[in-house]
C-alpha atoms as a PDB file:
ATOM      1  CA  MET A   1       0.317  -5.392  25.713  1.00  0.00           C
ATOM      2  CA  LYS A   2       0.168  -5.582  21.912  1.00  0.00           C
ATOM      3  CA  GLY A   3      -3.584  -6.056  21.771  1.00  0.00           C
ATOM      4  CA  ARG A   4      -6.265  -8.715  22.251  1.00  0.00           C
ATOM      5  CA  VAL A   5      -6.527 -11.703  20.004  1.00  0.00           C
ATOM      6  CA  LEU A   6      -9.547 -13.966  19.810  1.00  0.00           C
ATOM      7  CA  VAL A   7      -8.608 -17.508  18.851  1.00  0.00           C
ATOM      8  CA  VAL A   8     -11.558 -19.582  17.630  1.00  0.00           C
ATOM      9  CA  GLU A   9     -10.615 -23.250  17.407  1.00  0.00           C
ATOM     10  CA  ASP A  10     -12.136 -26.384  18.614  1.00  0.00           C
ATOM     11  CA  GLU A  11      -8.877 -28.424  18.953  1.00  0.00           C
ATOM     12  CA  ALA A  12      -7.563 -27.960  22.519  1.00  0.00           C
ATOM     13  CA  LYS A  13      -3.930 -28.655  21.620  1.00  0.00           C
ATOM     14  CA  ILE A  14      -3.868 -26.013  18.855  1.00  0.00           C
ATOM     15  CA  VAL A  15      -5.564 -23.481  21.206  1.00  0.00           C
ATOM     16  CA  ASP A  16      -2.925 -24.144  23.942  1.00  0.00           C
ATOM     17  CA  ILE A  17      -0.108 -23.742  21.562  1.00  0.00           C
ATOM     18  CA  LEU A  18      -1.399 -20.499  19.991  1.00  0.00           C
ATOM     19  CA  ARG A  19      -2.149 -19.044  23.334  1.00  0.00           C
ATOM     20  CA  LEU A  20       1.331 -19.824  24.672  1.00  0.00           C
ATOM     21  CA  TYR A  21       3.080 -18.223  21.602  1.00  0.00           C
ATOM     22  CA  LEU A  22       0.862 -15.256  21.447  1.00  0.00           C
ATOM     23  CA  GLU A  23       1.038 -14.511  25.025  1.00  0.00           C
ATOM     24  CA  GLN A  24       4.745 -14.873  25.084  1.00  0.00           C
ATOM     25  CA  THR A  25       4.863 -12.210  22.285  1.00  0.00           C
ATOM     26  CA  GLY A  26       2.801  -9.833  24.379  1.00  0.00           C
ATOM     27  CA  TYR A  27      -0.767 -10.436  23.232  1.00  0.00           C
ATOM     28  CA  ARG A  28      -3.832 -10.877  25.386  1.00  0.00           C
ATOM     29  CA  VAL A  29      -5.591 -13.967  24.288  1.00  0.00           C
ATOM     30  CA  SER A  30      -9.282 -14.927  24.482  1.00  0.00           C
ATOM     31  CA  THR A  31     -10.505 -18.273  23.197  1.00  0.00           C
ATOM     32  CA  ALA A  32     -13.760 -19.875  21.927  1.00  0.00           C
ATOM     33  CA  THR A  33     -14.376 -23.518  20.687  1.00  0.00           C
ATOM     34  CA  ASP A  34     -17.493 -22.907  18.583  1.00  0.00           C
ATOM     35  CA  GLY A  35     -18.925 -20.100  16.333  1.00  0.00           C
ATOM     36  CA  ALA A  36     -21.738 -19.048  18.694  1.00  0.00           C
ATOM     37  CA  SER A  37     -19.361 -18.585  21.582  1.00  0.00           C
ATOM     38  CA  ALA A  38     -16.952 -16.671  19.387  1.00  0.00           C
ATOM     39  CA  LEU A  39     -19.641 -14.204  18.245  1.00  0.00           C
ATOM     40  CA  LYS A  40     -20.840 -13.585  21.700  1.00  0.00           C
ATOM     41  CA  LEU A  41     -17.260 -13.081  23.000  1.00  0.00           C
ATOM     42  CA  ALA A  42     -16.411 -10.703  20.189  1.00  0.00           C
ATOM     43  CA  LYS A  43     -19.387  -8.643  21.091  1.00  0.00           C
ATOM     44  CA  GLN A  44     -18.612  -8.663  24.840  1.00  0.00           C
ATOM     45  CA  GLU A  45     -14.874  -8.096  24.600  1.00  0.00           C
ATOM     46  CA  PRO A  46     -14.085  -6.792  21.031  1.00  0.00           C
ATOM     47  CA  PRO A  47     -10.672  -8.141  20.036  1.00  0.00           C
ATOM     48  CA  ASP A  48      -8.095  -6.385  17.823  1.00  0.00           C
ATOM     49  CA  LEU A  49      -7.717  -9.439  15.696  1.00  0.00           C
ATOM     50  CA  VAL A  50      -9.476 -12.886  15.249  1.00  0.00           C
ATOM     51  CA  VAL A  51      -7.708 -16.110  14.417  1.00  0.00           C
ATOM     52  CA  LEU A  52     -10.560 -18.229  13.063  1.00  0.00           C
ATOM     53  CA  ASP A  53     -10.588 -21.836  12.280  1.00  0.00           C
ATOM     54  CA  LEU A  54     -12.587 -22.792   9.224  1.00  0.00           C
ATOM     55  CA  ASN A  55     -14.026 -26.036  10.626  1.00  0.00           C
ATOM     56  CA  LEU A  56     -16.097 -25.506  13.703  1.00  0.00           C
ATOM     57  CA  PRO A  57     -18.729 -27.760  15.347  1.00  0.00           C
ATOM     58  CA  ASP A  58     -21.760 -25.666  15.067  1.00  0.00           C
ATOM     59  CA  MET A  59     -21.188 -23.344  12.267  1.00  0.00           C
ATOM     60  CA  ASP A  60     -18.169 -23.090   9.762  1.00  0.00           C
ATOM     61  CA  GLY A  61     -15.644 -20.302   9.929  1.00  0.00           C
ATOM     62  CA  LEU A  62     -16.966 -18.844   6.733  1.00  0.00           C
ATOM     63  CA  GLU A  63     -20.316 -18.139   8.453  1.00  0.00           C
ATOM     64  CA  VAL A  64     -18.634 -16.871  11.596  1.00  0.00           C
ATOM     65  CA  CYS A  65     -16.549 -14.499   9.428  1.00  0.00           C
ATOM     66  CA  ARG A  66     -19.706 -13.350   7.532  1.00  0.00           C
ATOM     67  CA  ARG A  67     -21.420 -12.537  10.773  1.00  0.00           C
ATOM     68  CA  LEU A  68     -18.478 -10.700  12.273  1.00  0.00           C
ATOM     69  CA  ARG A  69     -18.210  -8.643   9.094  1.00  0.00           C
ATOM     70  CA  THR A  70     -21.822  -7.362   9.492  1.00  0.00           C
ATOM     71  CA  THR A  71     -20.827  -5.530  12.701  1.00  0.00           C
ATOM     72  CA  SER A  72     -17.061  -5.080  12.759  1.00  0.00           C
ATOM     73  CA  PRO A  73     -14.030  -4.465  10.439  1.00  0.00           C
ATOM     74  CA  VAL A  74     -11.836  -6.440  12.862  1.00  0.00           C
ATOM     75  CA  PRO A  75      -8.898  -8.150  11.065  1.00  0.00           C
ATOM     76  CA  ILE A  76      -9.515 -11.937  10.489  1.00  0.00           C
ATOM     77  CA  ILE A  77      -6.823 -14.615   9.877  1.00  0.00           C
ATOM     78  CA  MET A  78      -8.323 -17.852   8.912  1.00  0.00           C
ATOM     79  CA  LEU A  79      -6.894 -21.276   9.760  1.00  0.00           C
ATOM     80  CA  THR A  80      -7.771 -24.008   7.205  1.00  0.00           C
ATOM     81  CA  ALA A  81      -6.820 -27.577   6.686  1.00  0.00           C
ATOM     82  CA  ARG A  82      -8.233 -27.367   3.233  1.00  0.00           C
ATOM     83  CA  VAL A  83      -5.530 -26.924   0.588  1.00  0.00           C
ATOM     84  CA  ASP A  84      -7.927 -26.422  -2.294  1.00  0.00           C
ATOM     85  CA  GLU A  85      -7.335 -22.721  -3.679  1.00  0.00           C
ATOM     86  CA  VAL A  86     -11.103 -22.265  -4.041  1.00  0.00           C
ATOM     87  CA  ASP A  87     -11.581 -22.617  -0.274  1.00  0.00           C
ATOM     88  CA  ARG A  88      -8.936 -20.005   0.370  1.00  0.00           C
ATOM     89  CA  VAL A  89     -10.385 -17.582  -2.034  1.00  0.00           C
ATOM     90  CA  VAL A  90     -13.972 -18.014  -0.665  1.00  0.00           C
ATOM     91  CA  GLY A  91     -12.480 -17.155   2.828  1.00  0.00           C
ATOM     92  CA  LEU A  92     -11.084 -13.928   1.465  1.00  0.00           C
ATOM     93  CA  GLU A  93     -14.165 -13.108  -0.325  1.00  0.00           C
ATOM     94  CA  VAL A  94     -16.353 -13.256   2.838  1.00  0.00           C
ATOM     95  CA  GLY A  95     -14.005 -10.811   4.517  1.00  0.00           C
ATOM     96  CA  ALA A  96     -10.966 -12.557   5.876  1.00  0.00           C
ATOM     97  CA  ASP A  97      -7.788 -10.562   5.597  1.00  0.00           C
ATOM     98  CA  ASP A  98      -5.236 -13.521   5.597  1.00  0.00           C
ATOM     99  CA  TYR A  99      -5.183 -17.291   5.936  1.00  0.00           C
ATOM    100  CA  VAL A 100      -2.718 -19.849   7.218  1.00  0.00           C
ATOM    101  CA  THR A 101      -2.953 -23.597   6.199  1.00  0.00           C
ATOM    102  CA  LYS A 102      -2.608 -26.495   8.491  1.00  0.00           C
ATOM    103  CA  PRO A 103      -0.258 -27.938   9.684  1.00  0.00           C
ATOM    104  CA  PHE A 104       1.383 -24.599  10.503  1.00  0.00           C
ATOM    105  CA  SER A 105       4.197 -23.181  12.546  1.00  0.00           C
ATOM    106  CA  PRO A 106       3.054 -21.264  15.689  1.00  0.00           C
ATOM    107  CA  ARG A 107       5.769 -18.703  14.895  1.00  0.00           C
ATOM    108  CA  GLU A 108       4.250 -18.208  11.298  1.00  0.00           C
ATOM    109  CA  VAL A 109       0.771 -17.490  12.912  1.00  0.00           C
ATOM    110  CA  VAL A 110       2.314 -14.894  15.406  1.00  0.00           C
ATOM    111  CA  ALA A 111       4.148 -13.275  12.555  1.00  0.00           C
ATOM    112  CA  ARG A 112       1.079 -13.014  10.439  1.00  0.00           C
ATOM    113  CA  VAL A 113      -0.871 -11.647  13.400  1.00  0.00           C
ATOM    114  CA  GLY A 114       1.676  -8.914  13.870  1.00  0.00           C
ATOM    115  CA  ALA A 115       1.753  -8.098  10.126  1.00  0.00           C
ATOM    116  CA  VAL A 116      -2.095  -7.842   9.850  1.00  0.00           C
ATOM    117  CA  LEU A 117      -2.364  -5.707  12.894  1.00  0.00           C
ATOM    118  CA  ARG A 118       0.462  -3.358  11.494  1.00  0.00           C
ATOM    119  CA  ARG A 119      -1.437  -2.974   8.378  1.00  0.00           C
ATOM    120  CA  SER A 120      -4.764  -2.400  10.171  1.00  0.00           C
ATOM    121  CA  ARG A 121      -3.294   0.264  12.376  1.00  0.00           C
ATOM    122  CA  GLY A 122      -1.306   2.034   9.635  1.00  0.00           C
ATOM    123  CA  LEU A 123       2.336   2.916   9.490  1.00  0.00           C
ATOM    124  CA  PRO A 124       4.008   5.712  11.634  1.00  0.00           C
ATOM    125  CA  GLY A 125       3.966   9.047   9.887  1.00  0.00           C
ATOM    126  CA  GLU A 126       1.277   8.108   7.321  1.00  0.00           C
ATOM    127  CA  ASP A 127      -0.504  11.324   7.164  1.00  0.00           C
ATOM    128  CA  GLU A 128      -1.253  11.561   3.519  1.00  0.00           C
ATOM    129  CA  HIS A 129      -4.670  12.276   2.215  1.00  0.00           C
ATOM    130  CA  VAL A 130      -5.560  11.191  -1.413  1.00  0.00           C
ATOM    131  CA  SER A 131      -8.478  12.101  -3.680  1.00  0.00           C
ATOM    132  CA  VAL A 132      -9.440  10.571  -6.936  1.00  0.00           C
ATOM    133  CA  GLY A 133     -12.601  11.882  -8.430  1.00  0.00           C
ATOM    134  CA  ASP A 134     -15.251  11.594  -5.717  1.00  0.00           C
ATOM    135  CA  LEU A 135     -13.095   9.091  -3.780  1.00  0.00           C
ATOM    136  CA  SER A 136     -11.279  10.375  -0.708  1.00  0.00           C
ATOM    137  CA  VAL A 137      -8.764   8.258   1.282  1.00  0.00           C
ATOM    138  CA  ASP A 138      -7.368   9.391   4.566  1.00  0.00           C
ATOM    139  CA  LEU A 139      -4.450   7.242   5.334  1.00  0.00           C
ATOM    140  CA  ALA A 140      -3.808   8.559   8.836  1.00  0.00           C
ATOM    141  CA  ARG A 141      -7.467   7.694   9.994  1.00  0.00           C
ATOM    142  CA  HIS A 142      -7.802   4.659   7.792  1.00  0.00           C
ATOM    143  CA  GLN A 143     -10.933   6.112   6.304  1.00  0.00           C
ATOM    144  CA  ALA A 144     -12.221   6.022   2.771  1.00  0.00           C
ATOM    145  CA  VAL A 145     -15.226   8.081   1.523  1.00  0.00           C
ATOM    146  CA  LEU A 146     -16.938   7.698  -1.886  1.00  0.00           C
ATOM    147  CA  GLU A 147     -19.403  10.607  -2.830  1.00  0.00           C
ATOM    148  CA  GLY A 148     -19.723  11.363   0.844  1.00  0.00           C
ATOM    149  CA  ARG A 149     -20.423   7.827   1.795  1.00  0.00           C
ATOM    150  CA  PRO A 150     -18.006   6.143   4.179  1.00  0.00           C
ATOM    151  CA  LEU A 151     -16.779   2.715   2.838  1.00  0.00           C
ATOM    152  CA  ASP A 152     -16.872  -0.104   5.313  1.00  0.00           C
ATOM    153  CA  LEU A 153     -13.582  -1.800   4.424  1.00  0.00           C
ATOM    154  CA  THR A 154     -11.419  -4.518   6.043  1.00  0.00           C
ATOM    155  CA  PRO A 155      -7.919  -3.598   6.915  1.00  0.00           C
ATOM    156  CA  THR A 156      -6.664  -5.527   3.740  1.00  0.00           C
ATOM    157  CA  GLU A 157      -9.061  -3.920   1.444  1.00  0.00           C
ATOM    158  CA  PHE A 158      -8.191  -0.429   2.783  1.00  0.00           C
ATOM    159  CA  ARG A 159      -4.490  -1.035   2.125  1.00  0.00           C
ATOM    160  CA  ILE A 160      -5.154  -2.267  -1.473  1.00  0.00           C
ATOM    161  CA  LEU A 161      -7.378   0.707  -2.080  1.00  0.00           C
ATOM    162  CA  SER A 162      -4.750   3.065  -0.771  1.00  0.00           C
ATOM    163  CA  THR A 163      -1.960   1.609  -2.830  1.00  0.00           C
ATOM    164  CA  LEU A 164      -4.003   1.989  -6.086  1.00  0.00           C
ATOM    165  CA  ALA A 165      -5.210   5.418  -5.074  1.00  0.00           C
ATOM    166  CA  ARG A 166      -1.737   6.830  -4.483  1.00  0.00           C
ATOM    167  CA  GLN A 167      -0.901   6.379  -8.165  1.00  0.00           C
ATOM    168  CA  PRO A 168      -4.270   6.648 -10.188  1.00  0.00           C
ATOM    169  CA  GLY A 169      -3.875   5.240 -13.689  1.00  0.00           C
ATOM    170  CA  ARG A 170      -0.869   3.110 -12.904  1.00  0.00           C
ATOM    171  CA  VAL A 171      -1.360  -0.569 -13.730  1.00  0.00           C
ATOM    172  CA  PHE A 172      -0.309  -2.834 -10.780  1.00  0.00           C
ATOM    173  CA  THR A 173       0.263  -6.543 -11.273  1.00  0.00           C
ATOM    174  CA  ARG A 174      -1.288  -8.687  -8.601  1.00  0.00           C
ATOM    175  CA  LEU A 175       2.186  -9.507  -7.203  1.00  0.00           C
ATOM    176  CA  GLN A 176       2.919  -5.749  -6.871  1.00  0.00           C
ATOM    177  CA  ILE A 177      -0.332  -5.234  -5.166  1.00  0.00           C
ATOM    178  CA  LEU A 178       0.518  -8.021  -2.642  1.00  0.00           C
ATOM    179  CA  GLU A 179       4.073  -6.655  -2.159  1.00  0.00           C
ATOM    180  CA  GLN A 180       3.166  -2.908  -1.894  1.00  0.00           C
ATOM    181  CA  ALA A 181      -0.302  -3.143  -0.137  1.00  0.00           C
ATOM    182  CA  LEU A 182       0.525  -5.932   2.315  1.00  0.00           C
ATOM    183  CA  ASP A 183       4.236  -5.099   2.797  1.00  0.00           C
ATOM    184  CA  GLU A 184       5.211  -8.753   2.078  1.00  0.00           C
ATOM    185  CA  SER A 185       5.088 -11.386  -0.643  1.00  0.00           C
ATOM    186  CA  PHE A 186       3.286 -14.012   1.351  1.00  0.00           C
ATOM    187  CA  GLU A 187       2.878 -17.630   0.653  1.00  0.00           C
ATOM    188  CA  GLY A 188      -0.248 -17.275  -1.138  1.00  0.00           C
ATOM    189  CA  TYR A 189      -1.297 -17.676  -4.833  1.00  0.00           C
ATOM    190  CA  GLU A 190      -1.220 -14.084  -6.241  1.00  0.00           C
ATOM    191  CA  ARG A 191      -4.742 -14.467  -7.829  1.00  0.00           C
ATOM    192  CA  THR A 192      -6.219 -14.396  -4.257  1.00  0.00           C
ATOM    193  CA  ILE A 193      -5.923 -10.595  -4.686  1.00  0.00           C
ATOM    194  CA  ASP A 194      -8.887 -10.975  -7.031  1.00  0.00           C
ATOM    195  CA  ALA A 195     -11.122 -11.834  -4.059  1.00  0.00           C
ATOM    196  CA  HIS A 196     -10.152  -8.580  -2.297  1.00  0.00           C
ATOM    197  CA  ILE A 197     -10.695  -6.522  -5.570  1.00  0.00           C
ATOM    198  CA  LYS A 198     -14.167  -8.128  -5.972  1.00  0.00           C
ATOM    199  CA  ASN A 199     -15.135  -7.046  -2.412  1.00  0.00           C
ATOM    200  CA  LEU A 200     -13.788  -3.569  -3.094  1.00  0.00           C
ATOM    201  CA  ARG A 201     -15.691  -3.127  -6.243  1.00  0.00           C
ATOM    202  CA  ARG A 202     -18.824  -4.312  -4.706  1.00  0.00           C
ATOM    203  CA  LYS A 203     -18.520  -1.808  -1.847  1.00  0.00           C
ATOM    204  CA  MET A 204     -17.547   1.044  -4.207  1.00  0.00           C
ATOM    205  CA  GLU A 205     -20.376   0.404  -6.588  1.00  0.00           C
ATOM    206  CA  LYS A 206     -22.273   3.599  -7.321  1.00  0.00           C
ATOM    207  CA  ASP A 207     -26.107   3.585  -7.059  1.00  0.00           C
ATOM    208  CA  GLY A 208     -26.261   0.042  -8.258  1.00  0.00           C
ATOM    209  CA  GLU A 209     -24.961   0.878 -11.716  1.00  0.00           C
ATOM    210  CA  GLY A 210     -21.819  -1.386 -11.450  1.00  0.00           C
ATOM    211  CA  GLN A 211     -19.680   1.748 -12.251  1.00  0.00           C
ATOM    212  CA  HIS A 212     -16.336   0.976 -10.710  1.00  0.00           C
ATOM    213  CA  TYR A 213     -13.222   2.938 -10.030  1.00  0.00           C
ATOM    214  CA  ILE A 214     -11.010  -0.174 -10.122  1.00  0.00           C
ATOM    215  CA  GLN A 215     -10.488  -1.379 -13.580  1.00  0.00           C
ATOM    216  CA  THR A 216      -9.037  -4.748 -14.950  1.00  0.00           C
ATOM    217  CA  VAL A 217      -6.190  -4.583 -17.418  1.00  0.00           C
ATOM    218  CA  TYR A 218      -6.383  -7.902 -18.803  1.00  0.00           C
ATOM    219  CA  GLY A 219      -3.278  -9.965 -18.893  1.00  0.00           C
ATOM    220  CA  VAL A 220      -1.556  -7.467 -16.423  1.00  0.00           C
ATOM    221  CA  GLY A 221      -3.488  -6.497 -13.294  1.00  0.00           C
ATOM    222  CA  TYR A 222      -5.498  -3.562 -11.938  1.00  0.00           C
ATOM    223  CA  LYS A 223      -5.657   0.142 -11.964  1.00  0.00           C
ATOM    224  CA  LEU A 224      -7.774   2.835 -10.202  1.00  0.00           C
ATOM    225  CA  GLU A 225      -9.173   5.848 -12.184  1.00  0.00           C
ATOM    226  CA  ALA A 226     -12.120   8.069 -11.688  1.00  0.00           C
ATOM    227  CA  PRO A 227     -15.069   7.428 -14.005  1.00  0.00           C
ATOM    228  CA  PRO A 228     -15.472  10.150 -16.472  1.00  0.00           C
ATOM    229  CA  ASN A 229     -18.513  11.661 -14.770  1.00  0.00           C
ATOM    230  CA  ALA A 230     -16.950  11.511 -11.240  1.00  0.00           C
END
């Protein structure tokens, strides 16, 4: 089996379709129709990935995502019928790794599940260890440590940080970060990468001083460099 996927969706037809396609691909599937049940099930039977609908009857998917993120770095793909870019960015800011807009192709969801899981588990032979100032990134173990403090990163955040850390000082455009960190140029507006960068900066902030390793190069993109006193 490829892993356990928790599908959180209150529309029975969508649940049945996603279960069918995911199980045919080799995944074990658990389902929940509301946020409270999803949180309980995720604790009882920790999934390898969560497919999470944004609109749920008791609490919205954003709140479920926030609560999951307080206890687990499990990869999360959000399903949303909202086409507004702001809603997608908010989903990424609260910790989602990817999103799919409704209506969607079940094959696309299965493909994204596979892609996000591959990113979260690392690539075969990836045994490199990178250090930039007081930042240490262990690619094989998917661990990042800053000044001796482990960083609690989502799989997507870790891949973005790894991409920047491998070439300190190099300026990456948003599209380059998407292509190199996520191994694909997915159907998303490139500026959604800003949401992930915002989360990375918050988690890497040193002693509340706002001193960040990731720097904005206005009009171009981002680069990672050690602060002068690191």
